[in-house]
Amino acid sequence: MIRALGDAVEAAGVRLLDVHADVDHHRSVFTYLGAPDAVERATLALARVAVERIDLRRHQGVHPRVGAVDVVPFIPLRGTSMAEAVQCARRVGRAFSEATGVPVFFYAEAAANPARRELPVIRWGGFEGLAERLVDPAWYPDCGAAAPHPRAGVTVVGARGPLIAFNAMLDTPDVATAKSIAAVVRQSAPGGLPAVRALGVSLASRGIAQVAMNLLDHRRTSPAAVADRVEREAQARGVAVREWELVGCAPADAWTDWTTTSRVLDARPEQILDAALFTIPGD
């Protein structure tokens, strides 16, 4: 399955940078780059394969999800504007929904409804709650019918800046500890870290708990600043961070203050991208 999805991406003429698959989260993240038209082709090809082969009625994982193709973010790189990324997102969303019958919501910079700009808002209730939720006119999708695809749910498509998916592996299986750390470091908590989302999950296959985080803007809160806070919170609870995990890719300038001698980062060199790639008009 994962190989077939990757083959579909590469056949469209883009560069597949990274594939991250996790049995506990039960999801895969594909990161690729290329010219806008090639990226659009690759995304549609990958999405069609996923809808054909994935049945969420038989799917369980610790990560929130609403679709077989859960979220598709377009990130503008050097030479491309955010407005162009929004156009790509909307073209792909419409074409994907028409081709597969999967309803699509637009989010972030591509959001058509300001109340549905944030991804967690759209994901609330998960796949299992979609049928009831979409009955409400306020939750009619931006593309497609007001009912989830029976096997593939809905898909969320948008345009945004670079996000860093960054996870702390704790040396304990106690998910309550991970959840308590997530609850105090996320932005929404009093004293939480700006532009950080977090949740605590159990990685049963590895016998550990994880603090899974999204860093929405590394210029506001860097991975090193997140690590400092999470390590302090872990120590206060009598546990430690075993290692740090990067999912997908991240700009190199996000790691300028990272102390590699004291922390183990599970990342390959090709996951760290030249910061100049992320310079877009208007920055």
Protein backbone atom coordinates (compact mmCIF):
# COMPACT_ATOMS: atom_id res chain seq x y z
CA MET A 1 0.00 0.00 0.00
CA ILE A 2 2.63 2.57 1.04
CA ARG A 3 4.82 1.63 -1.92
CA ALA A 4 1.87 2.05 -4.30
CA LEU A 5 1.14 5.50 -2.92
CA GLY A 6 4.77 6.55 -3.25
CA ASP A 7 4.95 5.18 -6.80
CA ALA A 8 1.87 7.22 -7.73
CA VAL A 9 3.57 10.38 -6.45
CA GLU A 10 6.87 9.79 -8.22
CA ALA A 11 5.19 8.86 -11.50
CA ALA A 12 3.78 12.40 -11.62
CA GLY A 13 7.28 13.86 -11.87
CA VAL A 14 7.85 15.29 -8.41
CA ARG A 15 10.62 14.61 -5.90
CA LEU A 16 9.48 12.39 -3.04
CA LEU A 17 11.50 13.63 -0.08
CA ASP A 18 10.19 11.55 2.80
CA VAL A 19 7.65 8.89 3.72
CA HIS A 20 6.86 8.47 7.39
CA ALA A 21 4.66 5.56 8.49
CA ASP A 22 3.70 4.72 12.06
CA VAL A 23 1.74 1.63 13.07
CA ASP A 24 0.33 3.20 16.25
CA HIS A 25 -0.76 6.46 14.65
CA HIS A 26 -1.85 4.22 11.74
CA ARG A 27 -1.15 6.93 9.20
CA SER A 28 1.52 7.78 6.64
CA VAL A 29 2.90 11.20 5.76
CA PHE A 30 4.22 11.82 2.25
CA THR A 31 6.39 14.88 1.66
CA TYR A 32 7.24 15.86 -1.91
CA LEU A 33 8.12 18.96 -3.90
CA GLY A 34 8.01 20.09 -7.50
CA ALA A 35 6.49 22.55 -9.91
CA PRO A 36 2.88 23.44 -9.02
CA ASP A 37 1.30 21.51 -11.89
CA ALA A 38 3.35 18.39 -11.11
CA VAL A 39 2.51 18.62 -7.40
CA GLU A 40 -1.18 18.88 -8.27
CA ARG A 41 -0.94 15.77 -10.51
CA ALA A 42 0.96 13.85 -7.82
CA THR A 43 -1.57 14.76 -5.14
CA LEU A 44 -4.53 13.66 -7.23
CA ALA A 45 -2.78 10.41 -8.16
CA LEU A 46 -1.93 9.61 -4.53
CA ALA A 47 -5.43 10.52 -3.36
CA ARG A 48 -7.15 8.28 -5.90
CA VAL A 49 -5.05 5.29 -4.84
CA ALA A 50 -5.77 5.96 -1.17
CA VAL A 51 -9.54 6.17 -1.74
CA GLU A 52 -9.50 2.94 -3.73
CA ARG A 53 -7.58 0.97 -1.10
CA ILE A 54 -8.38 2.40 2.35
CA ASP A 55 -11.57 1.68 4.27
CA LEU A 56 -11.83 3.78 7.44
CA ARG A 57 -14.62 1.57 8.75
CA ARG A 58 -11.87 -0.96 9.48
CA HIS A 59 -9.27 1.57 10.59
CA GLN A 60 -8.14 2.52 14.08
CA GLY A 61 -5.20 4.64 15.22
CA VAL A 62 -4.21 7.01 18.01
CA HIS A 63 -4.07 10.07 15.72
CA PRO A 64 -7.25 12.05 14.96
CA ARG A 65 -8.49 11.61 11.37
CA VAL A 66 -11.53 12.32 9.21
CA GLY A 67 -10.50 10.77 5.92
CA ALA A 68 -8.52 8.14 4.10
CA VAL A 69 -6.78 11.17 2.62
CA ASP A 70 -6.91 13.10 5.85
CA VAL A 71 -5.19 16.41 5.14
CA VAL A 72 -3.44 17.86 2.09
CA PRO A 73 -1.47 21.05 2.78
CA PHE A 74 0.18 22.99 -0.05
CA ILE A 75 3.28 24.89 1.16
CA PRO A 76 4.64 27.58 -1.18
CA LEU A 77 8.39 27.47 -1.73
CA ARG A 78 10.76 30.00 -3.27
CA GLY A 79 9.30 31.51 -6.41
CA THR A 80 5.71 30.66 -5.51
CA SER A 81 3.31 32.90 -3.61
CA MET A 82 0.79 31.90 -0.96
CA ALA A 83 -1.95 33.04 -3.34
CA GLU A 84 -0.70 30.52 -5.89
CA ALA A 85 -0.67 27.80 -3.23
CA VAL A 86 -4.29 28.65 -2.41
CA GLN A 87 -5.21 28.32 -6.07
CA CYS A 88 -3.50 24.90 -6.21
CA ALA A 89 -5.35 23.76 -3.10
CA ARG A 90 -8.73 24.77 -4.45
CA ARG A 91 -8.14 23.25 -7.88
CA VAL A 92 -7.04 19.96 -6.36
CA GLY A 93 -9.87 19.94 -3.84
CA ARG A 94 -12.50 20.41 -6.52
CA ALA A 95 -10.94 17.90 -8.93
CA PHE A 96 -10.45 15.29 -6.21
CA SER A 97 -14.03 15.57 -4.96
CA GLU A 98 -15.44 15.36 -8.48
CA ALA A 99 -13.30 12.31 -9.33
CA THR A 100 -13.89 10.31 -6.14
CA GLY A 101 -17.09 11.57 -4.52
CA VAL A 102 -15.18 12.44 -1.34
CA PRO A 103 -16.36 15.76 0.18
CA VAL A 104 -13.64 18.37 0.71
CA PHE A 105 -13.18 21.13 3.26
CA PHE A 106 -10.71 23.96 2.63
CA TYR A 107 -8.61 25.16 5.57
CA ALA A 108 -5.84 27.57 6.61
CA GLU A 109 -5.09 30.19 3.92
CA ALA A 110 -7.42 28.37 1.50
CA ALA A 111 -10.37 28.38 3.93
CA ALA A 112 -13.66 29.41 2.36
CA ASN A 113 -15.33 29.71 5.77
CA PRO A 114 -13.41 31.55 8.53
CA ALA A 115 -15.08 29.37 11.17
CA ARG A 116 -13.41 26.33 9.59
CA ARG A 117 -9.93 27.76 9.16
CA GLU A 118 -8.25 25.59 11.82
CA LEU A 119 -7.63 21.90 11.14
CA PRO A 120 -8.52 20.66 14.67
CA VAL A 121 -11.93 22.33 14.34
CA ILE A 122 -12.67 20.35 11.18
CA ARG A 123 -11.32 17.12 12.66
CA TRP A 124 -13.44 17.38 15.81
CA GLY A 125 -15.53 14.23 16.24
CA GLY A 126 -13.39 12.23 13.82
CA PHE A 127 -14.52 9.97 11.00
CA GLU A 128 -17.10 8.30 13.20
CA GLY A 129 -18.94 11.58 13.85
CA LEU A 130 -19.00 12.89 10.29
CA ALA A 131 -22.45 11.67 9.19
CA GLU A 132 -24.18 13.43 12.09
CA ARG A 133 -22.06 16.55 11.80
CA LEU A 134 -22.52 17.12 8.07
CA VAL A 135 -26.31 17.23 8.47
CA ASP A 136 -25.84 20.71 9.95
CA PRO A 137 -25.91 23.33 7.14
CA ALA A 138 -23.03 25.11 8.89
CA TRP A 139 -20.92 22.05 8.14
CA TYR A 140 -21.77 21.45 4.52
CA PRO A 141 -18.47 20.73 2.74
CA ASP A 142 -16.87 23.23 0.38
CA CYS A 143 -16.89 20.60 -2.39
CA GLY A 144 -19.11 17.56 -2.75
CA ALA A 145 -22.17 16.18 -1.04
CA ALA A 146 -23.20 16.90 2.55
CA ALA A 147 -22.49 13.30 3.52
CA PRO A 148 -19.15 11.53 4.05
CA HIS A 149 -17.85 8.99 1.60
CA PRO A 150 -18.75 5.63 3.20
CA ARG A 151 -15.16 4.33 3.17
CA ALA A 152 -13.02 7.43 2.78
CA GLY A 153 -14.81 10.06 4.90
CA VAL A 154 -13.87 13.60 3.93
CA THR A 155 -10.61 15.29 2.98
CA VAL A 156 -9.22 18.60 4.23
CA VAL A 157 -7.19 20.59 1.68
CA GLY A 158 -5.41 23.86 2.32
CA ALA A 159 -2.42 26.14 1.94
CA ARG A 160 -0.12 27.20 4.77
CA GLY A 161 3.45 27.95 5.75
CA PRO A 162 5.87 25.27 6.95
CA LEU A 163 4.73 23.27 9.97
CA ILE A 164 7.09 21.05 11.96
CA ALA A 165 5.66 17.74 13.20
CA PHE A 166 7.81 17.07 16.23
CA ASN A 167 7.35 14.26 18.77
CA ALA A 168 8.82 13.47 22.18
CA MET A 169 9.31 9.78 22.98
CA LEU A 170 9.03 9.30 26.73
CA ASP A 171 10.71 6.53 28.71
CA THR A 172 7.38 5.44 30.18
CA PRO A 173 4.31 3.66 28.81
CA ASP A 174 2.03 5.88 30.93
CA VAL A 175 -0.10 7.82 28.43
CA ALA A 176 -1.57 9.90 31.27
CA THR A 177 1.89 11.41 31.78
CA ALA A 178 2.17 12.27 28.08
CA LYS A 179 -1.30 13.82 28.13
CA SER A 180 -0.50 15.92 31.18
CA ILE A 181 2.64 17.26 29.51
CA ALA A 182 0.76 18.01 26.29
CA ALA A 183 -1.92 19.81 28.28
CA VAL A 184 0.54 22.37 29.68
CA VAL A 185 2.82 22.96 26.68
CA ARG A 186 0.15 23.55 24.01
CA GLN A 187 -0.63 27.13 23.08
CA SER A 188 -4.20 26.97 24.38
CA ALA A 189 -3.01 26.30 27.95
CA PRO A 190 -2.24 29.12 30.40
CA GLY A 191 1.50 29.62 30.02
CA GLY A 192 1.61 27.36 26.99
CA LEU A 193 4.06 27.72 24.12
CA PRO A 194 3.03 30.02 21.25
CA ALA A 195 2.09 28.30 17.97
CA VAL A 196 2.33 24.80 19.47
CA ARG A 197 -0.33 22.10 19.37
CA ALA A 198 0.16 18.94 21.40
CA LEU A 199 -1.50 15.71 22.45
CA GLY A 200 -0.40 12.68 24.42
CA VAL A 201 -0.73 9.23 22.86
CA SER A 202 0.26 5.64 23.55
CA LEU A 203 2.67 3.89 21.20
CA ALA A 204 1.67 0.36 22.19
CA SER A 205 3.93 -1.31 19.64
CA ARG A 206 6.96 0.28 21.32
CA GLY A 207 5.72 0.19 24.90
CA ILE A 208 6.10 3.94 25.39
CA ALA A 209 4.03 7.12 25.49
CA GLN A 210 4.54 10.06 23.15
CA VAL A 211 3.91 13.78 23.24
CA ALA A 212 2.96 14.46 19.61
CA MET A 213 3.27 18.11 18.59
CA ASN A 214 2.81 20.46 15.67
CA LEU A 215 4.97 23.59 15.67
CA LEU A 216 2.94 26.01 13.57
CA ASP A 217 5.64 28.69 13.39
CA HIS A 218 9.21 27.78 14.35
CA ARG A 219 10.13 31.49 14.36
CA ARG A 220 7.83 31.94 17.34
CA THR A 221 8.71 28.71 19.13
CA SER A 222 11.68 26.67 17.92
CA PRO A 223 12.12 22.90 18.35
CA ALA A 224 14.83 23.61 20.93
CA ALA A 225 12.47 25.80 22.97
CA VAL A 226 9.83 23.07 22.81
CA ALA A 227 12.39 20.46 23.88
CA ASP A 228 13.50 22.58 26.83
CA ARG A 229 9.94 22.91 28.09
CA VAL A 230 8.90 19.30 27.50
CA GLU A 231 12.07 17.97 29.15
CA ARG A 232 11.43 20.12 32.23
CA GLU A 233 7.82 18.97 32.42
CA ALA A 234 8.88 15.34 32.01
CA GLN A 235 11.50 15.63 34.74
CA ALA A 236 8.93 17.16 37.08
CA ARG A 237 6.84 14.00 36.55
CA GLY A 238 9.73 11.62 37.16
CA VAL A 239 10.25 10.59 33.52
CA ALA A 240 12.60 11.54 30.69
CA VAL A 241 12.52 12.06 26.94
CA ARG A 242 14.15 9.06 25.27
CA GLU A 243 14.49 10.74 21.87
CA TRP A 244 12.94 13.31 19.54
CA GLU A 245 11.24 12.47 16.27
CA LEU A 246 10.79 14.66 13.21
CA VAL A 247 7.92 13.65 10.91
CA GLY A 248 8.36 14.81 7.33
CA CYS A 249 10.70 17.72 6.62
CA ALA A 250 11.59 21.03 8.24
CA PRO A 251 13.56 24.19 7.38
CA ALA A 252 17.20 24.11 8.44
CA ASP A 253 16.94 27.43 10.27
CA ALA A 254 14.54 25.84 12.76
CA TRP A 255 17.47 23.89 14.22
CA THR A 256 20.09 26.60 14.67
CA ASP A 257 19.79 26.43 18.47
CA TRP A 258 19.39 22.65 18.68
CA THR A 259 22.03 21.05 20.94
CA THR A 260 22.74 17.73 19.25
CA THR A 261 25.26 16.66 21.91
CA SER A 262 22.55 16.37 24.56
CA ARG A 263 19.54 15.26 22.54
CA VAL A 264 18.91 12.44 20.13
CA LEU A 265 16.93 13.58 17.09
CA ASP A 266 15.58 10.76 14.93
CA ALA A 267 15.96 12.54 11.58
CA ARG A 268 17.78 11.91 8.32
CA PRO A 269 19.80 14.66 6.59
CA GLU A 270 17.35 14.82 3.69
CA GLN A 271 14.57 15.82 6.11
CA ILE A 272 16.34 19.10 6.87
CA LEU A 273 15.73 21.49 3.98
CA ASP A 274 17.59 24.63 2.95
CA ALA A 275 15.85 27.54 4.66
CA ALA A 276 16.10 29.55 1.43
CA LEU A 277 13.51 27.22 -0.11
CA PHE A 278 10.90 28.77 2.16
CA THR A 279 11.46 32.37 1.06
CA ILE A 280 8.28 33.45 -0.69
CA PRO A 281 7.07 36.80 -2.00
CA GLY A 282 5.95 39.05 0.85
CA ASP A 283 8.26 37.54 3.49
